[in-house]
Amino acid sequence: MESIFHEKQEGSLCAQHCLNNLLQGEYFTPVDLSSIAHQLDEEERMRMAEGGMASEEYRTFLQQPSGNMDDSGFFSIQVISNALGVWGLELILFNSRDMQGKG
C-alpha cells in the first residue's frame, strides 16, 4: 500500500496544507496561492471600477487590504476554490443550495 501524504502545519498556511493534503502531494506553495489571490484582487478591482473610478466606493475599496490573502499566510475560501479549479475540482459549501436535502 502506498503511503499517505501529510504536510505538517507550518505557520498560518492552513489553506496550502489543506490543499496539498487533500491532493496528496506538494502541489501548491504560498507563492502559487498568492498569485491566485492577486488575480482575484485584480478581478475585484476591475469590477469595482465599473461603478466609476472617481466614485467614493472605488477609492475606499482601493485603500482596503486584500480580502483574499494577508501577510500571516491567510488565504480566502475563494483562493482555495480557484486552486481546486486548477485540478478540475469544485468546492461546494456545506450550506449551499446544492447541498440542501443531501445528508
N, C-alpha and C. Protein backbone atom coordinates (compact mmCIF):
# COMPACT_ATOMS: atom_id res chain seq x y z
N MET A 1 0.84 -1.18 0.00
CA MET A 1 0.00 0.00 0.00
C MET A 1 0.88 1.24 0.00
N GLU A 2 0.50 2.23 -0.80
CA GLU A 2 1.25 3.49 -0.84
C GLU A 2 1.05 4.26 0.46
N SER A 3 2.02 5.08 0.77
CA SER A 3 1.90 5.89 1.98
C SER A 3 0.99 7.09 1.75
N ILE A 4 0.44 7.58 2.83
CA ILE A 4 -0.43 8.74 2.77
C ILE A 4 0.42 9.98 2.94
N PHE A 5 0.22 10.95 2.04
CA PHE A 5 0.95 12.21 2.11
C PHE A 5 0.35 13.07 3.22
N HIS A 6 1.20 13.63 4.06
CA HIS A 6 0.73 14.55 5.09
C HIS A 6 1.74 15.69 5.22
N GLU A 7 1.27 16.88 4.94
CA GLU A 7 2.10 18.07 5.07
C GLU A 7 1.79 18.70 6.43
N LYS A 8 2.78 18.76 7.29
CA LYS A 8 2.57 19.31 8.63
C LYS A 8 2.33 20.81 8.59
N GLN A 9 1.55 21.27 9.56
CA GLN A 9 1.24 22.69 9.67
C GLN A 9 2.49 23.51 9.89
N GLU A 10 2.64 24.54 9.09
CA GLU A 10 3.76 25.47 9.21
C GLU A 10 3.19 26.88 9.22
N GLY A 11 3.39 27.60 10.29
CA GLY A 11 2.86 28.95 10.38
C GLY A 11 1.35 28.96 10.28
N SER A 12 0.84 29.90 9.51
CA SER A 12 -0.61 30.03 9.32
C SER A 12 -1.01 29.66 7.90
N LEU A 13 -0.30 28.76 7.30
CA LEU A 13 -0.56 28.38 5.91
C LEU A 13 -1.58 27.23 5.81
N CYS A 14 -2.68 27.38 6.53
CA CYS A 14 -3.70 26.33 6.59
C CYS A 14 -4.21 25.95 5.20
N ALA A 15 -4.46 26.95 4.36
CA ALA A 15 -5.00 26.67 3.02
C ALA A 15 -4.04 25.82 2.20
N GLN A 16 -2.77 26.18 2.23
CA GLN A 16 -1.76 25.42 1.49
C GLN A 16 -1.72 23.98 1.97
N HIS A 17 -1.66 23.78 3.28
CA HIS A 17 -1.56 22.44 3.83
C HIS A 17 -2.82 21.64 3.55
N CYS A 18 -3.96 22.27 3.67
CA CYS A 18 -5.23 21.60 3.39
C CYS A 18 -5.28 21.12 1.94
N LEU A 19 -4.93 22.00 1.00
CA LEU A 19 -4.96 21.64 -0.42
C LEU A 19 -3.98 20.51 -0.72
N ASN A 20 -2.75 20.64 -0.23
CA ASN A 20 -1.75 19.62 -0.51
C ASN A 20 -2.10 18.27 0.12
N ASN A 21 -2.64 18.30 1.33
CA ASN A 21 -3.05 17.05 1.96
C ASN A 21 -4.22 16.42 1.22
N LEU A 22 -5.17 17.24 0.80
CA LEU A 22 -6.31 16.74 0.04
C LEU A 22 -5.86 16.13 -1.29
N LEU A 23 -4.97 16.81 -1.98
CA LEU A 23 -4.50 16.36 -3.29
C LEU A 23 -3.38 15.32 -3.19
N GLN A 24 -2.88 15.09 -1.98
CA GLN A 24 -1.86 14.08 -1.71
C GLN A 24 -0.53 14.34 -2.42
N GLY A 25 -0.06 15.59 -2.31
CA GLY A 25 1.24 15.93 -2.86
C GLY A 25 1.55 17.39 -2.65
N GLU A 26 2.78 17.77 -2.93
CA GLU A 26 3.20 19.16 -2.80
C GLU A 26 2.85 19.92 -4.07
N TYR A 27 1.57 20.26 -4.20
CA TYR A 27 1.08 20.90 -5.42
C TYR A 27 1.04 22.42 -5.34
N PHE A 28 0.83 22.97 -4.15
CA PHE A 28 0.71 24.42 -4.00
C PHE A 28 1.71 24.95 -2.99
N THR A 29 2.30 26.07 -3.34
CA THR A 29 3.19 26.80 -2.44
C THR A 29 2.50 28.11 -2.06
N PRO A 30 3.03 28.80 -1.06
CA PRO A 30 2.46 30.12 -0.75
C PRO A 30 2.51 31.07 -1.95
N VAL A 31 3.54 30.96 -2.77
CA VAL A 31 3.66 31.81 -3.96
C VAL A 31 2.53 31.50 -4.95
N ASP A 32 2.22 30.22 -5.14
CA ASP A 32 1.13 29.84 -6.03
C ASP A 32 -0.20 30.43 -5.55
N LEU A 33 -0.46 30.29 -4.26
CA LEU A 33 -1.71 30.78 -3.71
C LEU A 33 -1.76 32.31 -3.72
N SER A 34 -0.61 32.94 -3.51
CA SER A 34 -0.55 34.40 -3.60
C SER A 34 -0.87 34.88 -5.00
N SER A 35 -0.41 34.16 -5.99
CA SER A 35 -0.69 34.50 -7.38
C SER A 35 -2.20 34.44 -7.66
N ILE A 36 -2.85 33.40 -7.16
CA ILE A 36 -4.30 33.28 -7.32
C ILE A 36 -4.99 34.43 -6.59
N ALA A 37 -4.53 34.77 -5.39
CA ALA A 37 -5.12 35.86 -4.61
C ALA A 37 -4.98 37.19 -5.34
N HIS A 38 -3.81 37.45 -5.92
CA HIS A 38 -3.60 38.69 -6.66
C HIS A 38 -4.51 38.76 -7.88
N GLN A 39 -4.70 37.63 -8.54
CA GLN A 39 -5.60 37.58 -9.70
C GLN A 39 -7.02 37.92 -9.26
N LEU A 40 -7.46 37.36 -8.15
CA LEU A 40 -8.79 37.67 -7.63
C LEU A 40 -8.90 39.14 -7.23
N ASP A 41 -7.85 39.67 -6.61
CA ASP A 41 -7.84 41.08 -6.24
C ASP A 41 -8.01 41.96 -7.48
N GLU A 42 -7.32 41.61 -8.54
CA GLU A 42 -7.40 42.40 -9.78
C GLU A 42 -8.80 42.31 -10.39
N GLU A 43 -9.39 41.14 -10.38
CA GLU A 43 -10.76 40.99 -10.89
C GLU A 43 -11.73 41.82 -10.07
N GLU A 44 -11.56 41.82 -8.75
CA GLU A 44 -12.42 42.63 -7.88
C GLU A 44 -12.22 44.11 -8.15
N ARG A 45 -10.96 44.53 -8.35
CA ARG A 45 -10.67 45.93 -8.64
C ARG A 45 -11.35 46.35 -9.94
N MET A 46 -11.28 45.51 -10.96
CA MET A 46 -11.90 45.83 -12.24
C MET A 46 -13.42 45.94 -12.11
N ARG A 47 -14.02 45.06 -11.34
CA ARG A 47 -15.47 45.12 -11.12
C ARG A 47 -15.86 46.39 -10.37
N MET A 48 -15.09 46.74 -9.37
CA MET A 48 -15.38 47.96 -8.62
C MET A 48 -15.22 49.20 -9.51
N ALA A 49 -14.28 49.17 -10.43
CA ALA A 49 -14.02 50.30 -11.33
C ALA A 49 -15.19 50.51 -12.29
N GLU A 50 -15.97 49.47 -12.53
CA GLU A 50 -17.13 49.61 -13.42
C GLU A 50 -18.12 50.63 -12.89
N GLY A 51 -18.14 50.83 -11.58
CA GLY A 51 -19.04 51.81 -10.97
C GLY A 51 -18.49 53.23 -11.05
N GLY A 52 -17.32 53.38 -11.62
CA GLY A 52 -16.70 54.69 -11.76
C GLY A 52 -15.46 54.80 -10.90
N MET A 53 -14.34 55.07 -11.56
CA MET A 53 -13.07 55.14 -10.85
C MET A 53 -12.96 56.37 -9.95
N ALA A 54 -13.85 57.34 -10.15
CA ALA A 54 -13.84 58.54 -9.32
C ALA A 54 -14.80 58.42 -8.14
N SER A 55 -15.51 57.29 -8.07
CA SER A 55 -16.51 57.14 -7.01
C SER A 55 -15.84 56.95 -5.64
N GLU A 56 -16.54 57.36 -4.62
CA GLU A 56 -16.06 57.19 -3.24
C GLU A 56 -15.88 55.71 -2.90
N GLU A 57 -16.81 54.86 -3.38
CA GLU A 57 -16.74 53.42 -3.12
C GLU A 57 -15.46 52.82 -3.70
N TYR A 58 -15.11 53.25 -4.91
CA TYR A 58 -13.90 52.73 -5.55
C TYR A 58 -12.65 53.16 -4.79
N ARG A 59 -12.59 54.43 -4.42
CA ARG A 59 -11.43 54.94 -3.68
C ARG A 59 -11.30 54.23 -2.33
N THR A 60 -12.43 54.02 -1.67
CA THR A 60 -12.42 53.31 -0.38
C THR A 60 -11.95 51.88 -0.58
N PHE A 61 -12.43 51.23 -1.63
CA PHE A 61 -12.03 49.85 -1.94
C PHE A 61 -10.52 49.75 -2.13
N LEU A 62 -9.95 50.70 -2.87
CA LEU A 62 -8.51 50.67 -3.14
C LEU A 62 -7.67 50.82 -1.88
N GLN A 63 -8.21 51.47 -0.86
CA GLN A 63 -7.46 51.70 0.37
C GLN A 63 -7.50 50.50 1.32
N GLN A 64 -8.39 49.56 1.06
CA GLN A 64 -8.53 48.40 1.95
C GLN A 64 -7.53 47.32 1.57
N PRO A 65 -7.07 46.57 2.57
CA PRO A 65 -6.16 45.45 2.27
C PRO A 65 -6.91 44.34 1.53
N SER A 66 -6.18 43.47 0.94
CA SER A 66 -6.78 42.34 0.22
C SER A 66 -7.63 41.49 1.14
N GLY A 67 -8.77 41.08 0.66
CA GLY A 67 -9.60 40.13 1.40
C GLY A 67 -9.27 38.70 1.02
N ASN A 68 -8.36 38.53 0.07
CA ASN A 68 -8.02 37.19 -0.42
C ASN A 68 -6.75 36.62 0.20
N MET A 69 -5.95 37.46 0.85
CA MET A 69 -4.72 36.99 1.49
C MET A 69 -4.20 38.06 2.43
N ASP A 70 -3.35 37.65 3.34
CA ASP A 70 -2.63 38.62 4.18
C ASP A 70 -1.23 38.09 4.47
N ASP A 71 -0.45 38.88 5.16
CA ASP A 71 0.96 38.54 5.42
C ASP A 71 1.14 37.37 6.38
N SER A 72 0.08 36.99 7.08
CA SER A 72 0.20 35.89 8.05
C SER A 72 0.15 34.52 7.40
N GLY A 73 -0.28 34.47 6.13
CA GLY A 73 -0.44 33.19 5.45
C GLY A 73 -1.89 32.83 5.23
N PHE A 74 -2.80 33.72 5.60
CA PHE A 74 -4.23 33.50 5.38
C PHE A 74 -4.55 33.61 3.90
N PHE A 75 -5.36 32.68 3.40
CA PHE A 75 -5.90 32.75 2.05
C PHE A 75 -7.40 32.50 2.14
N SER A 76 -8.18 33.26 1.37
CA SER A 76 -9.64 33.19 1.43
C SER A 76 -10.16 31.89 0.82
N ILE A 77 -11.41 31.64 1.09
CA ILE A 77 -12.08 30.46 0.53
C ILE A 77 -12.12 30.56 -1.00
N GLN A 78 -12.17 31.77 -1.53
CA GLN A 78 -12.16 31.95 -2.99
C GLN A 78 -10.82 31.50 -3.58
N VAL A 79 -9.73 31.76 -2.87
CA VAL A 79 -8.41 31.30 -3.32
C VAL A 79 -8.38 29.77 -3.32
N ILE A 80 -8.88 29.17 -2.26
CA ILE A 80 -8.92 27.71 -2.17
C ILE A 80 -9.77 27.13 -3.30
N SER A 81 -10.92 27.73 -3.54
CA SER A 81 -11.81 27.26 -4.60
C SER A 81 -11.14 27.36 -5.97
N ASN A 82 -10.48 28.49 -6.25
CA ASN A 82 -9.80 28.64 -7.53
C ASN A 82 -8.63 27.67 -7.66
N ALA A 83 -7.93 27.41 -6.57
CA ALA A 83 -6.83 26.45 -6.59
C ALA A 83 -7.35 25.05 -6.93
N LEU A 84 -8.46 24.67 -6.35
CA LEU A 84 -9.06 23.37 -6.68
C LEU A 84 -9.50 23.32 -8.13
N GLY A 85 -9.97 24.46 -8.64
CA GLY A 85 -10.41 24.53 -10.03
C GLY A 85 -9.29 24.21 -11.01
N VAL A 86 -8.06 24.47 -10.63
CA VAL A 86 -6.89 24.14 -11.47
C VAL A 86 -6.90 22.64 -11.79
N TRP A 87 -7.38 21.84 -10.85
CA TRP A 87 -7.40 20.39 -10.98
C TRP A 87 -8.77 19.87 -11.42
N GLY A 88 -9.66 20.78 -11.83
CA GLY A 88 -10.99 20.36 -12.27
C GLY A 88 -11.90 19.97 -11.12
N LEU A 89 -11.55 20.41 -9.92
CA LEU A 89 -12.36 20.10 -8.74
C LEU A 89 -13.17 21.32 -8.35
N GLU A 90 -14.33 21.08 -7.76
CA GLU A 90 -15.21 22.16 -7.37
C GLU A 90 -15.46 22.11 -5.87
N LEU A 91 -15.35 23.24 -5.24
CA LEU A 91 -15.64 23.36 -3.82
C LEU A 91 -17.12 23.73 -3.69
N ILE A 92 -17.87 22.91 -2.96
CA ILE A 92 -19.28 23.18 -2.72
C ILE A 92 -19.45 23.39 -1.23
N LEU A 93 -19.92 24.56 -0.85
CA LEU A 93 -20.10 24.88 0.57
C LEU A 93 -21.20 24.01 1.16
N PHE A 94 -20.99 23.56 2.39
CA PHE A 94 -21.95 22.63 3.01
C PHE A 94 -23.32 23.26 3.20
N ASN A 95 -23.41 24.58 3.28
CA ASN A 95 -24.72 25.22 3.46
C ASN A 95 -25.26 25.82 2.16
N SER A 96 -24.72 25.39 1.03
CA SER A 96 -25.19 25.90 -0.25
C SER A 96 -26.48 25.20 -0.67
N ARG A 97 -27.14 25.77 -1.65
CA ARG A 97 -28.37 25.16 -2.20
C ARG A 97 -28.09 23.78 -2.78
N ASP A 98 -26.88 23.61 -3.32
CA ASP A 98 -26.51 22.31 -3.90
C ASP A 98 -26.50 21.20 -2.85
N MET A 99 -26.27 21.57 -1.60
CA MET A 99 -26.19 20.57 -0.53
C MET A 99 -27.49 20.40 0.24
N GLN A 100 -28.47 21.24 0.03
CA GLN A 100 -29.73 21.15 0.77
C GLN A 100 -30.42 19.84 0.42
N GLY A 101 -30.85 19.13 1.46
CA GLY A 101 -31.54 17.87 1.26
C GLY A 101 -30.61 16.69 1.08
N LYS A 102 -29.29 16.92 1.11
CA LYS A 102 -28.31 15.82 0.99
C LYS A 102 -27.67 15.63 2.35
N GLY A 103 -27.96 14.63 2.99
CA GLY A 103 -27.30 14.44 4.27
C GLY A 103 -28.17 13.75 5.18
